[in-house]
C-alpha atoms as a PDB file:
ATOM      1  CA  MET A   1      40.274 -62.172 -36.082  1.00  0.00           C
ATOM      2  CA  ASN A   2      38.376 -65.441 -35.685  1.00  0.00           C
ATOM      3  CA  ALA A   3      39.946 -65.970 -32.285  1.00  0.00           C
ATOM      4  CA  VAL A   4      38.780 -62.530 -31.163  1.00  0.00           C
ATOM      5  CA  LEU A   5      35.258 -63.206 -32.419  1.00  0.00           C
ATOM      6  CA  GLU A   6      35.182 -66.551 -30.638  1.00  0.00           C
ATOM      7  CA  LYS A   7      36.245 -64.898 -27.377  1.00  0.00           C
ATOM      8  CA  LEU A   8      33.607 -62.181 -27.784  1.00  0.00           C
ATOM      9  CA  SER A   9      30.932 -64.833 -28.358  1.00  0.00           C
ATOM     10  CA  GLN A  10      31.695 -66.399 -24.985  1.00  0.00           C
ATOM     11  CA  PRO A  11      29.652 -65.276 -21.917  1.00  0.00           C
ATOM     12  CA  GLN A  12      32.694 -63.515 -20.460  1.00  0.00           C
ATOM     13  CA  GLY A  13      33.262 -61.575 -23.670  1.00  0.00           C
ATOM     14  CA  ILE A  14      29.625 -60.535 -23.936  1.00  0.00           C
ATOM     15  CA  ALA A  15      29.639 -59.476 -20.275  1.00  0.00           C
ATOM     16  CA  ILE A  16      32.716 -57.306 -20.901  1.00  0.00           C
ATOM     17  CA  VAL A  17      31.097 -55.711 -23.961  1.00  0.00           C
ATOM     18  CA  LEU A  18      27.893 -55.019 -22.012  1.00  0.00           C
ATOM     19  CA  PHE A  19      29.838 -53.498 -19.123  1.00  0.00           C
ATOM     20  CA  CYS A  20      31.882 -51.255 -21.400  1.00  0.00           C
ATOM     21  CA  SER A  21      28.779 -50.154 -23.311  1.00  0.00           C
ATOM     22  CA  LEU A  22      26.860 -49.301 -20.153  1.00  0.00           C
ATOM     23  CA  ALA A  23      29.863 -47.478 -18.710  1.00  0.00           C
ATOM     24  CA  PHE A  24      30.160 -45.477 -21.919  1.00  0.00           C
ATOM     25  CA  ILE A  25      26.443 -44.583 -21.895  1.00  0.00           C
ATOM     26  CA  ILE A  26      26.437 -43.607 -18.214  1.00  0.00           C
ATOM     27  CA  GLY A  27      29.582 -41.557 -18.640  1.00  0.00           C
ATOM     28  CA  HIS A  28      28.191 -39.786 -21.690  1.00  0.00           C
ATOM     29  CA  PHE A  29      24.972 -38.703 -20.039  1.00  0.00           C
ATOM     30  CA  TYR A  30      26.754 -37.878 -16.788  1.00  0.00           C
ATOM     31  CA  ALA A  31      28.981 -35.523 -18.752  1.00  0.00           C
ATOM     32  CA  THR A  32      25.930 -34.030 -20.501  1.00  0.00           C
ATOM     33  CA  GLU A  33      24.196 -33.410 -17.183  1.00  0.00           C
ATOM     34  CA  ARG A  34      27.342 -31.845 -15.744  1.00  0.00           C
ATOM     35  CA  ARG A  35      27.541 -29.539 -18.743  1.00  0.00           C
ATOM     36  CA  ARG A  36      23.890 -28.502 -18.303  1.00  0.00           C
ATOM     37  CA  LYS A  37      24.390 -27.738 -14.600  1.00  0.00           C
ATOM     38  CA  ARG A  38      27.556 -25.811 -15.428  1.00  0.00           C
ATOM     39  CA  ARG A  39      25.661 -23.599 -17.865  1.00  0.00           C
ATOM     40  CA  VAL A  40      22.992 -22.924 -15.240  1.00  0.00           C
ATOM     41  CA  LYS A  41      25.674 -21.925 -12.740  1.00  0.00           C
ATOM     42  CA  GLU A  42      27.295 -19.677 -15.305  1.00  0.00           C
ATOM     43  CA  LEU A  43      23.968 -17.905 -15.895  1.00  0.00           C
ATOM     44  CA  LEU A  44      23.330 -17.508 -12.157  1.00  0.00           C
ATOM     45  CA  TYR A  45      26.782 -16.836 -10.726  1.00  0.00           C
ATOM     46  CA  GLY A  46      28.950 -15.883 -13.674  1.00  0.00           C
ATOM     47  CA  ASN A  47      31.849 -17.971 -14.885  1.00  0.00           C
ATOM     48  CA  PRO A  48      34.124 -18.890 -11.916  1.00  0.00           C
ATOM     49  CA  ASN A  49      37.532 -20.469 -12.405  1.00  0.00           C
ATOM     50  CA  ASN A  50      36.615 -23.873 -10.959  1.00  0.00           C
ATOM     51  CA  ILE A  51      33.926 -24.277 -13.613  1.00  0.00           C
ATOM     52  CA  LYS A  52      36.495 -23.574 -16.342  1.00  0.00           C
ATOM     53  CA  VAL A  53      38.787 -26.298 -14.979  1.00  0.00           C
ATOM     54  CA  ARG A  54      35.977 -28.860 -14.948  1.00  0.00           C
ATOM     55  CA  LYS A  55      35.034 -27.854 -18.460  1.00  0.00           C
ATOM     56  CA  ARG A  56      38.546 -28.592 -19.730  1.00  0.00           C
ATOM     57  CA  LEU A  57      38.555 -31.989 -18.023  1.00  0.00           C
ATOM     58  CA  TRP A  58      35.302 -33.074 -19.711  1.00  0.00           C
ATOM     59  CA  ASP A  59      35.684 -31.372 -23.078  1.00  0.00           C
ATOM     60  CA  TRP A  60      37.233 -34.367 -24.807  1.00  0.00           C
ATOM     61  CA  PHE A  61      34.461 -36.665 -23.652  1.00  0.00           C
ATOM     62  CA  ASN A  62      31.669 -34.218 -24.557  1.00  0.00           C
ATOM     63  CA  ASN A  63      33.062 -33.627 -28.027  1.00  0.00           C
ATOM     64  CA  PHE A  64      33.428 -37.351 -28.628  1.00  0.00           C
ATOM     65  CA  THR A  65      29.932 -38.335 -27.455  1.00  0.00           C
ATOM     66  CA  ALA A  66      27.930 -35.272 -28.602  1.00  0.00           C
ATOM     67  CA  PRO A  67      26.899 -36.877 -31.945  1.00  0.00           C
ATOM     68  CA  LEU A  68      25.108 -39.627 -30.004  1.00  0.00           C
ATOM     69  CA  LEU A  69      22.468 -37.205 -28.713  1.00  0.00           C
ATOM     70  CA  PRO A  70      19.475 -36.290 -30.901  1.00  0.00           C
ATOM     71  CA  LYS A  71      19.145 -32.814 -32.347  1.00  0.00           C
ATOM     72  CA  SER A  72      17.709 -30.003 -30.233  1.00  0.00           C
ATOM     73  CA  LEU A  73      14.359 -30.107 -32.066  1.00  0.00           C
ATOM     74  CA  ASN A  74      14.029 -33.834 -31.400  1.00  0.00           C
ATOM     75  CA  LEU A  75      14.841 -33.228 -27.741  1.00  0.00           C
ATOM     76  CA  VAL A  76      12.038 -30.637 -27.508  1.00  0.00           C
ATOM     77  CA  LEU A  77       9.560 -32.962 -29.205  1.00  0.00           C
ATOM     78  CA  THR A  78      10.615 -35.804 -26.917  1.00  0.00           C
ATOM     79  CA  GLN A  79      10.190 -33.575 -23.872  1.00  0.00           C
ATOM     80  CA  ASN A  80       6.641 -32.683 -24.944  1.00  0.00           C
ATOM     81  CA  MET A  81       5.866 -36.343 -25.573  1.00  0.00           C
ATOM     82  CA  LEU A  82       7.162 -37.337 -22.137  1.00  0.00           C
ATOM     83  CA  SER A  83       5.216 -34.530 -20.502  1.00  0.00           C
ATOM     84  CA  ARG A  84       1.995 -35.538 -22.248  1.00  0.00           C
ATOM     85  CA  SER A  85       2.557 -39.137 -21.135  1.00  0.00           C
ATOM     86  CA  GLY A  86       2.976 -38.104 -17.509  1.00  0.00           C
ATOM     87  CA  ILE A  87       6.565 -39.362 -17.299  1.00  0.00           C
ATOM     88  CA  LYS A  88       8.812 -37.068 -15.279  1.00  0.00           C
ATOM     89  CA  MET A  89      12.069 -37.599 -17.133  1.00  0.00           C
ATOM     90  CA  SER A  90      14.331 -35.404 -19.218  1.00  0.00           C
ATOM     91  CA  PRO A  91      14.771 -36.294 -22.912  1.00  0.00           C
ATOM     92  CA  GLN A  92      18.455 -37.034 -22.313  1.00  0.00           C
ATOM     93  CA  GLU A  93      17.565 -39.498 -19.545  1.00  0.00           C
ATOM     94  CA  PHE A  94      14.906 -41.089 -21.746  1.00  0.00           C
ATOM     95  CA  PHE A  95      17.405 -41.482 -24.575  1.00  0.00           C
ATOM     96  CA  ALA A  96      19.871 -43.049 -22.113  1.00  0.00           C
ATOM     97  CA  VAL A  97      17.186 -45.490 -20.954  1.00  0.00           C
ATOM     98  CA  ARG A  98      16.466 -46.480 -24.565  1.00  0.00           C
ATOM     99  CA  VAL A  99      20.136 -47.069 -25.362  1.00  0.00           C
ATOM    100  CA  ALA A 100      20.693 -48.990 -22.124  1.00  0.00           C
ATOM    101  CA  ALA A 101      17.602 -51.133 -22.802  1.00  0.00           C
ATOM    102  CA  GLY A 102      18.884 -51.845 -26.306  1.00  0.00           C
ATOM    103  CA  VAL A 103      22.324 -52.857 -25.076  1.00  0.00           C
ATOM    104  CA  ILE A 104      21.015 -55.035 -22.233  1.00  0.00           C
ATOM    105  CA  GLY A 105      18.269 -56.593 -24.370  1.00  0.00           C
ATOM    106  CA  GLY A 106      20.674 -57.322 -27.204  1.00  0.00           C
ATOM    107  CA  GLY A 107      23.117 -58.915 -24.789  1.00  0.00           C
ATOM    108  CA  LEU A 108      20.473 -61.106 -23.191  1.00  0.00           C
ATOM    109  CA  PHE A 109      19.127 -62.228 -26.566  1.00  0.00           C
ATOM    110  CA  SER A 110      22.626 -63.046 -27.776  1.00  0.00           C
ATOM    111  CA  LEU A 111      23.302 -65.195 -24.684  1.00  0.00           C
ATOM    112  CA  LEU A 112      20.563 -67.577 -25.802  1.00  0.00           C
ATOM    113  CA  PHE A 113      22.452 -68.584 -28.970  1.00  0.00           C
ATOM    114  CA  ILE A 114      26.016 -69.063 -27.717  1.00  0.00           C
ATOM    115  CA  PRO A 115      28.337 -70.386 -29.205  1.00  0.00           C
ATOM    116  CA  GLU A 116      26.930 -69.916 -32.730  1.00  0.00           C
ATOM    117  CA  PHE A 117      28.405 -66.555 -33.654  1.00  0.00           C
ATOM    118  CA  PHE A 118      26.083 -65.787 -36.586  1.00  0.00           C
ATOM    119  CA  LYS A 119      22.967 -66.333 -34.478  1.00  0.00           C
ATOM    120  CA  VAL A 120      24.505 -64.409 -31.596  1.00  0.00           C
ATOM    121  CA  LEU A 121      25.101 -61.437 -33.893  1.00  0.00           C
ATOM    122  CA  LEU A 122      21.744 -61.648 -35.692  1.00  0.00           C
ATOM    123  CA  PHE A 123      19.481 -62.117 -32.700  1.00  0.00           C
ATOM    124  CA  GLY A 124      21.576 -59.769 -30.554  1.00  0.00           C
ATOM    125  CA  VAL A 125      21.122 -56.921 -33.031  1.00  0.00           C
ATOM    126  CA  ALA A 126      17.421 -57.715 -33.585  1.00  0.00           C
ATOM    127  CA  GLY A 127      16.715 -58.019 -29.862  1.00  0.00           C
ATOM    128  CA  GLY A 128      18.679 -54.878 -29.088  1.00  0.00           C
ATOM    129  CA  TYR A 129      16.767 -52.887 -31.703  1.00  0.00           C
ATOM    130  CA  MET A 130      13.440 -54.195 -30.399  1.00  0.00           C
ATOM    131  CA  CYS A 131      14.320 -53.265 -26.812  1.00  0.00           C
ATOM    132  CA  TYR A 132      15.550 -49.873 -28.051  1.00  0.00           C
ATOM    133  CA  ILE A 133      12.269 -48.937 -29.734  1.00  0.00           C
ATOM    134  CA  LEU A 134       9.913 -50.394 -27.091  1.00  0.00           C
ATOM    135  CA  PRO A 135      10.223 -47.449 -24.613  1.00  0.00           C
ATOM    136  CA  HIS A 136       9.584 -44.930 -27.394  1.00  0.00           C
ATOM    137  CA  THR A 137       6.593 -46.938 -28.642  1.00  0.00           C
ATOM    138  CA  TYR A 138       5.082 -47.091 -25.158  1.00  0.00           C
ATOM    139  CA  VAL A 139       5.497 -43.361 -24.516  1.00  0.00           C
ATOM    140  CA  ALA A 140       4.303 -42.448 -28.015  1.00  0.00           C
ATOM    141  CA  ASN A 141       1.132 -44.514 -27.608  1.00  0.00           C
ATOM    142  CA  ARG A 142       0.342 -42.820 -24.308  1.00  0.00           C
ATOM    143  CA  SER A 143       0.969 -39.424 -25.877  1.00  0.00           C
ATOM    144  CA  ILE A 144      -1.261 -40.209 -28.868  1.00  0.00           C
ATOM    145  CA  ALA A 145      -4.035 -41.394 -26.538  1.00  0.00           C
ATOM    146  CA  LEU A 146      -3.916 -38.062 -24.680  1.00  0.00           C
ATOM    147  CA  LYS A 147      -3.959 -36.094 -27.943  1.00  0.00           C
ATOM    148  CA  ASN A 148      -6.944 -38.071 -29.205  1.00  0.00           C
ATOM    149  CA  ALA A 149      -8.779 -37.474 -25.931  1.00  0.00           C
ATOM    150  CA  ALA A 150      -8.132 -33.729 -26.225  1.00  0.00           C
ATOM    151  CA  ALA A 151      -9.387 -33.732 -29.818  1.00  0.00           C
ATOM    152  CA  ARG A 152     -12.609 -35.524 -28.791  1.00  0.00           C
ATOM    153  CA  GLN A 153     -13.270 -33.047 -25.985  1.00  0.00           C
ATOM    154  CA  CYS A 154     -12.516 -29.956 -28.039  1.00  0.00           C
ATOM    155  CA  GLY A 155     -15.988 -29.558 -29.584  1.00  0.00           C
ATOM    156  CA  ASN A 156     -17.929 -29.667 -26.308  1.00  0.00           C
ATOM    157  CA  TYR A 157     -15.320 -27.500 -24.588  1.00  0.00           C
ATOM    158  CA  VAL A 158     -15.622 -24.780 -27.228  1.00  0.00           C
ATOM    159  CA  ASP A 159     -19.418 -24.840 -26.940  1.00  0.00           C
ATOM    160  CA  LEU A 160     -19.248 -24.307 -23.178  1.00  0.00           C
ATOM    161  CA  LEU A 161     -16.564 -21.664 -23.585  1.00  0.00           C
ATOM    162  CA  LYS A 162     -18.745 -19.858 -26.136  1.00  0.00           C
ATOM    163  CA  ILE A 163     -21.683 -19.797 -23.714  1.00  0.00           C
ATOM    164  CA  ALA A 164     -19.537 -18.449 -20.883  1.00  0.00           C
ATOM    165  CA  VAL A 165     -18.069 -15.688 -23.065  1.00  0.00           C
ATOM    166  CA  ALA A 166     -21.506 -14.775 -24.445  1.00  0.00           C
ATOM    167  CA  GLU A 167     -22.717 -14.249 -20.873  1.00  0.00           C
ATOM    168  CA  GLY A 168     -20.066 -11.598 -20.326  1.00  0.00           C
ATOM    169  CA  ALA A 169     -17.071 -13.479 -18.857  1.00  0.00           C
ATOM    170  CA  ASP A 170     -13.601 -12.731 -20.141  1.00  0.00           C
ATOM    171  CA  ILE A 171     -11.356 -15.471 -21.469  1.00  0.00           C
ATOM    172  CA  THR A 172      -9.632 -16.112 -18.102  1.00  0.00           C
ATOM    173  CA  HIS A 173     -12.817 -16.488 -16.067  1.00  0.00           C
ATOM    174  CA  ALA A 174     -14.511 -18.412 -18.870  1.00  0.00           C
ATOM    175  CA  VAL A 175     -11.683 -20.950 -19.027  1.00  0.00           C
ATOM    176  CA  GLU A 176     -11.645 -21.340 -15.231  1.00  0.00           C
ATOM    177  CA  LEU A 177     -15.418 -21.792 -15.076  1.00  0.00           C
ATOM    178  CA  VAL A 178     -15.612 -24.296 -17.933  1.00  0.00           C
ATOM    179  CA  SER A 179     -12.518 -26.252 -16.853  1.00  0.00           C
ATOM    180  CA  LYS A 180     -13.803 -26.723 -13.318  1.00  0.00           C
ATOM    181  CA  ASN A 181     -17.213 -27.946 -14.514  1.00  0.00           C
ATOM    182  CA  TYR A 182     -16.058 -30.000 -17.526  1.00  0.00           C
ATOM    183  CA  PRO A 183     -13.071 -32.045 -16.314  1.00  0.00           C
ATOM    184  CA  GLY A 184     -10.811 -33.783 -18.771  1.00  0.00           C
ATOM    185  CA  VAL A 185      -7.482 -33.610 -20.551  1.00  0.00           C
ATOM    186  CA  LEU A 186      -8.290 -30.414 -22.429  1.00  0.00           C
ATOM    187  CA  ALA A 187      -9.773 -28.744 -19.357  1.00  0.00           C
ATOM    188  CA  SER A 188      -6.646 -29.549 -17.329  1.00  0.00           C
ATOM    189  CA  ALA A 189      -4.408 -28.143 -20.074  1.00  0.00           C
ATOM    190  CA  PHE A 190      -6.379 -24.887 -20.275  1.00  0.00           C
ATOM    191  CA  LEU A 191      -6.494 -24.585 -16.488  1.00  0.00           C
ATOM    192  CA  ASN A 192      -2.718 -25.052 -16.254  1.00  0.00           C
ATOM    193  CA  ALA A 193      -2.256 -22.321 -18.861  1.00  0.00           C
ATOM    194  CA  ILE A 194      -4.475 -19.952 -16.838  1.00  0.00           C
ATOM    195  CA  ASN A 195      -2.564 -20.772 -13.656  1.00  0.00           C
ATOM    196  CA  LYS A 196       0.658 -19.761 -15.411  1.00  0.00           C
ATOM    197  CA  THR A 197      -0.820 -16.324 -16.096  1.00  0.00           C
ATOM    198  CA  LYS A 198      -1.243 -15.812 -12.350  1.00  0.00           C
ATOM    199  CA  GLY A 199       2.524 -16.083 -12.077  1.00  0.00           C
ATOM    200  CA  GLY A 200       3.040 -13.222 -14.527  1.00  0.00           C
ATOM    201  CA  LYS A 201       3.093 -14.948 -17.902  1.00  0.00           C
ATOM    202  CA  PRO A 202       0.946 -13.321 -20.629  1.00  0.00           C
ATOM    203  CA  ILE A 203      -2.174 -15.306 -21.357  1.00  0.00           C
ATOM    204  CA  MET A 204      -1.504 -15.458 -25.092  1.00  0.00           C
ATOM    205  CA  GLU A 205       1.944 -16.924 -24.507  1.00  0.00           C
ATOM    206  CA  ALA A 206       0.570 -19.444 -22.000  1.00  0.00           C
ATOM    207  CA  LEU A 207      -2.150 -20.557 -24.415  1.00  0.00           C
ATOM    208  CA  LYS A 208       0.388 -20.866 -27.240  1.00  0.00           C
ATOM    209  CA  GLU A 209       2.630 -23.077 -25.095  1.00  0.00           C
ATOM    210  CA  MET A 210      -0.384 -25.174 -24.197  1.00  0.00           C
ATOM    211  CA  SER A 211      -1.318 -25.708 -27.858  1.00  0.00           C
ATOM    212  CA  ASP A 212       2.287 -26.646 -28.705  1.00  0.00           C
ATOM    213  CA  TRP A 213       2.288 -29.078 -25.790  1.00  0.00           C
ATOM    214  CA  LEU A 214      -0.927 -30.804 -26.882  1.00  0.00           C
ATOM    215  CA  ASP A 215       0.052 -30.683 -30.581  1.00  0.00           C
ATOM    216  CA  THR A 216      -3.552 -31.216 -31.717  1.00  0.00           C
ATOM    217  CA  LYS A 217      -4.903 -29.544 -34.841  1.00  0.00           C
ATOM    218  CA  ASP A 218      -8.261 -28.482 -33.387  1.00  0.00           C
ATOM    219  CA  VAL A 219      -6.700 -27.054 -30.224  1.00  0.00           C
ATOM    220  CA  THR A 220      -4.047 -25.227 -32.239  1.00  0.00           C
ATOM    221  CA  LEU A 221      -6.675 -23.621 -34.486  1.00  0.00           C
ATOM    222  CA  LEU A 222      -8.749 -22.670 -31.448  1.00  0.00           C
ATOM    223  CA  VAL A 223      -5.802 -21.012 -29.705  1.00  0.00           C
ATOM    224  CA  ASP A 224      -4.732 -19.240 -32.903  1.00  0.00           C
ATOM    225  CA  SER A 225      -8.241 -17.821 -33.323  1.00  0.00           C
ATOM    226  CA  ILE A 226      -8.284 -16.599 -29.703  1.00  0.00           C
ATOM    227  CA  VAL A 227      -4.874 -14.958 -30.132  1.00  0.00           C
ATOM    228  CA  GLN A 228      -5.970 -13.347 -33.392  1.00  0.00           C
ATOM    229  CA  SER A 229      -9.138 -12.077 -31.727  1.00  0.00           C
ATOM    230  CA  ARG A 230      -7.139 -10.456 -28.935  1.00  0.00           C
ATOM    231  CA  ARG A 231      -4.759  -8.829 -31.384  1.00  0.00           C
ATOM    232  CA  THR A 232      -7.391  -7.451 -33.747  1.00  0.00           C
ATOM    233  CA  GLY A 233      -9.992  -6.607 -31.116  1.00  0.00           C
ATOM    234  CA  THR A 234     -12.762  -8.644 -32.705  1.00  0.00           C
ATOM    235  CA  SER A 235     -15.532 -10.233 -30.680  1.00  0.00           C
ATOM    236  CA  LEU A 236     -14.346 -13.388 -28.935  1.00  0.00           C
ATOM    237  CA  ALA A 237     -17.886 -14.776 -28.834  1.00  0.00           C
ATOM    238  CA  SER A 238     -18.201 -14.622 -32.628  1.00  0.00           C
ATOM    239  CA  VAL A 239     -14.779 -16.238 -33.035  1.00  0.00           C
ATOM    240  CA  LEU A 240     -15.760 -19.088 -30.708  1.00  0.00           C
ATOM    241  CA  GLU A 241     -19.050 -19.461 -32.568  1.00  0.00           C
ATOM    242  CA  ALA A 242     -17.175 -19.856 -35.847  1.00  0.00           C
ATOM    243  CA  GLN A 243     -14.791 -22.383 -34.266  1.00  0.00           C
ATOM    244  CA  SER A 244     -17.734 -24.331 -32.860  1.00  0.00           C
ATOM    245  CA  ILE A 245     -19.376 -24.552 -36.291  1.00  0.00           C
ATOM    246  CA  ARG A 246     -16.084 -25.622 -37.880  1.00  0.00           C
ATOM    247  CA  MET A 247     -15.502 -28.356 -35.290  1.00  0.00           C
ATOM    248  CA  ARG A 248     -19.026 -29.682 -35.715  1.00  0.00           C
ATOM    249  CA  ASP A 249     -18.447 -29.872 -39.463  1.00  0.00           C
ATOM    250  CA  VAL A 250     -15.158 -31.696 -38.880  1.00  0.00           C
ATOM    251  CA  ILE A 251     -16.844 -34.178 -36.523  1.00  0.00           C
ATOM    252  CA  ARG A 252     -19.628 -34.780 -39.047  1.00  0.00           C
ATOM    253  CA  THR A 253     -17.102 -35.297 -41.839  1.00  0.00           C
ATOM    254  CA  LYS A 254     -15.075 -37.781 -39.781  1.00  0.00           C
ATOM    255  CA  ALA A 255     -18.217 -39.688 -38.829  1.00  0.00           C
ATOM    256  CA  THR A 256     -19.231 -39.879 -42.497  1.00  0.00           C
ATOM    257  CA  GLU A 257     -15.785 -41.168 -43.466  1.00  0.00           C
ATOM    258  CA  GLN A 258     -15.890 -43.822 -40.756  1.00  0.00           C
ATOM    259  CA  ALA A 259     -19.358 -44.910 -41.902  1.00  0.00           C
ATOM    260  CA  GLN A 260     -18.146 -45.221 -45.501  1.00  0.00           C
ATOM    261  CA  LYS A 261     -15.172 -47.332 -44.411  1.00  0.00           C
ATOM    262  CA  ALA A 262     -17.349 -49.793 -42.491  1.00  0.00           C
ATOM    263  CA  PRO A 263     -18.394 -51.938 -45.530  1.00  0.00           C
ATOM    264  CA  VAL A 264     -14.776 -52.256 -46.630  1.00  0.00           C
ATOM    265  CA  LYS A 265     -13.692 -53.340 -43.160  1.00  0.00           C
ATOM    266  CA  MET A 266     -16.405 -55.975 -43.094  1.00  0.00           C
ATOM    267  CA  VAL A 267     -15.116 -57.730 -46.236  1.00  0.00           C
ATOM    268  CA  PHE A 268     -12.330 -59.647 -44.478  1.00  0.00           C
ATOM    269  CA  PRO A 269     -14.406 -61.140 -41.609  1.00  0.00           C
ATOM    270  CA  LEU A 270     -17.270 -61.783 -44.046  1.00  0.00           C
ATOM    271  CA  LEU A 271     -15.101 -63.804 -46.438  1.00  0.00           C
ATOM    272  CA  PHE A 272     -12.992 -65.704 -43.921  1.00  0.00           C
ATOM    273  CA  PHE A 273     -15.309 -66.187 -40.938  1.00  0.00           C
ATOM    274  CA  ILE A 274     -18.997 -65.687 -41.735  1.00  0.00           C
ATOM    275  CA  LEU A 275     -19.325 -67.212 -45.230  1.00  0.00           C
ATOM    276  CA  PRO A 276     -17.420 -70.448 -44.389  1.00  0.00           C
ATOM    277  CA  SER A 277     -19.667 -70.953 -41.371  1.00  0.00           C
ATOM    278  CA  LEU A 278     -22.777 -70.399 -43.466  1.00  0.00           C
ATOM    279  CA  MET A 279     -21.488 -72.828 -46.088  1.00  0.00           C
ATOM    280  CA  VAL A 280     -20.923 -75.520 -43.455  1.00  0.00           C
ATOM    281  CA  ILE A 281     -24.392 -74.984 -41.968  1.00  0.00           C
ATOM    282  CA  ALA A 282     -26.151 -74.835 -45.351  1.00  0.00           C
ATOM    283  CA  MET A 283     -24.238 -77.558 -47.220  1.00  0.00           C
ATOM    284  CA  GLY A 284     -23.378 -79.888 -44.348  1.00  0.00           C
ATOM    285  CA  PRO A 285     -26.636 -81.883 -44.116  1.00  0.00           C
ATOM    286  CA  PRO A 286     -27.081 -82.292 -47.919  1.00  0.00           C
ATOM    287  CA  MET A 287     -23.485 -83.508 -48.261  1.00  0.00           C
ATOM    288  CA  MET A 288     -24.057 -86.067 -45.493  1.00  0.00           C
ATOM    289  CA  LYS A 289     -27.161 -87.331 -47.326  1.00  0.00           C
ATOM    290  CA  LEU A 290     -25.261 -87.558 -50.603  1.00  0.00           C
ATOM    291  CA  ASN A 291     -22.547 -89.503 -48.809  1.00  0.00           C
ATOM    292  CA  ASP A 292     -25.106 -92.034 -47.583  1.00  0.00           C
ATOM    293  CA  ILE A 293     -26.688 -92.365 -51.030  1.00  0.00           C
ATOM    294  CA  PHE A 294     -23.564 -92.610 -53.199  1.00  0.00           C
ATOM    295  CA  ASN A 295     -21.197 -94.054 -50.577  1.00  0.00           C
ATOM    296  CA  PHE A 296     -18.431 -91.461 -51.088  1.00  0.00           C
END
């Protein structure tokens, strides 16, 4: 066992492990992509015999590597996160990139500590985990920035939408008018939803998909109120007025909370940066005089 571990700790052993891991990852996601394309062909053209043969050839590999993929809900959430971040990549490809980055990063970190096996193992695992989570952290931060931008724009957007609807425009024309004159993340999302309706999709379904894509509380409540107004036949202008008042209250509440947190946040810099400086300025000259008088 020790001989095997010593061989694996050598550069050749680590290179072999990295190659096998990458080959396994590439093969797994290649098989997953083949399975997805096969299902699309089955939906479009039926289930021809050549597809059945390929399915039998890859079944063992798919069944063995299927537990490595996240659950379907996680794949949907990852797809929305990638879409919000502007990254054109499927969730399976993103997961493959994360695993490959973890394997390569762990291997490179472990090469720095050869031949000490304990350090190779420790820093290889730590470096691999860090490289594995870095892509997700980057994409998640970009997604959160877009969601925060949409939340900030929601109040002004609803006000403009309320004015357009009060002047007699329906929801489609109001969204188009406001989105073209108030550019931003939220305006682009609403405009994309309206463009989908021109292709035949119901407007309520398009708006619901848009709110799920943004995954922002204010936008979700706004879309739910619009959908409820269309279903019940109530006035859309009054619904938007109520949403505008609610958002203004939420903004005021958040501003009040931030103002109340400001004194607490100032304690740390006050104690460790401002007060020591003041003490040096105030007590420095007297201490120098006392030193001259008493010869400290």
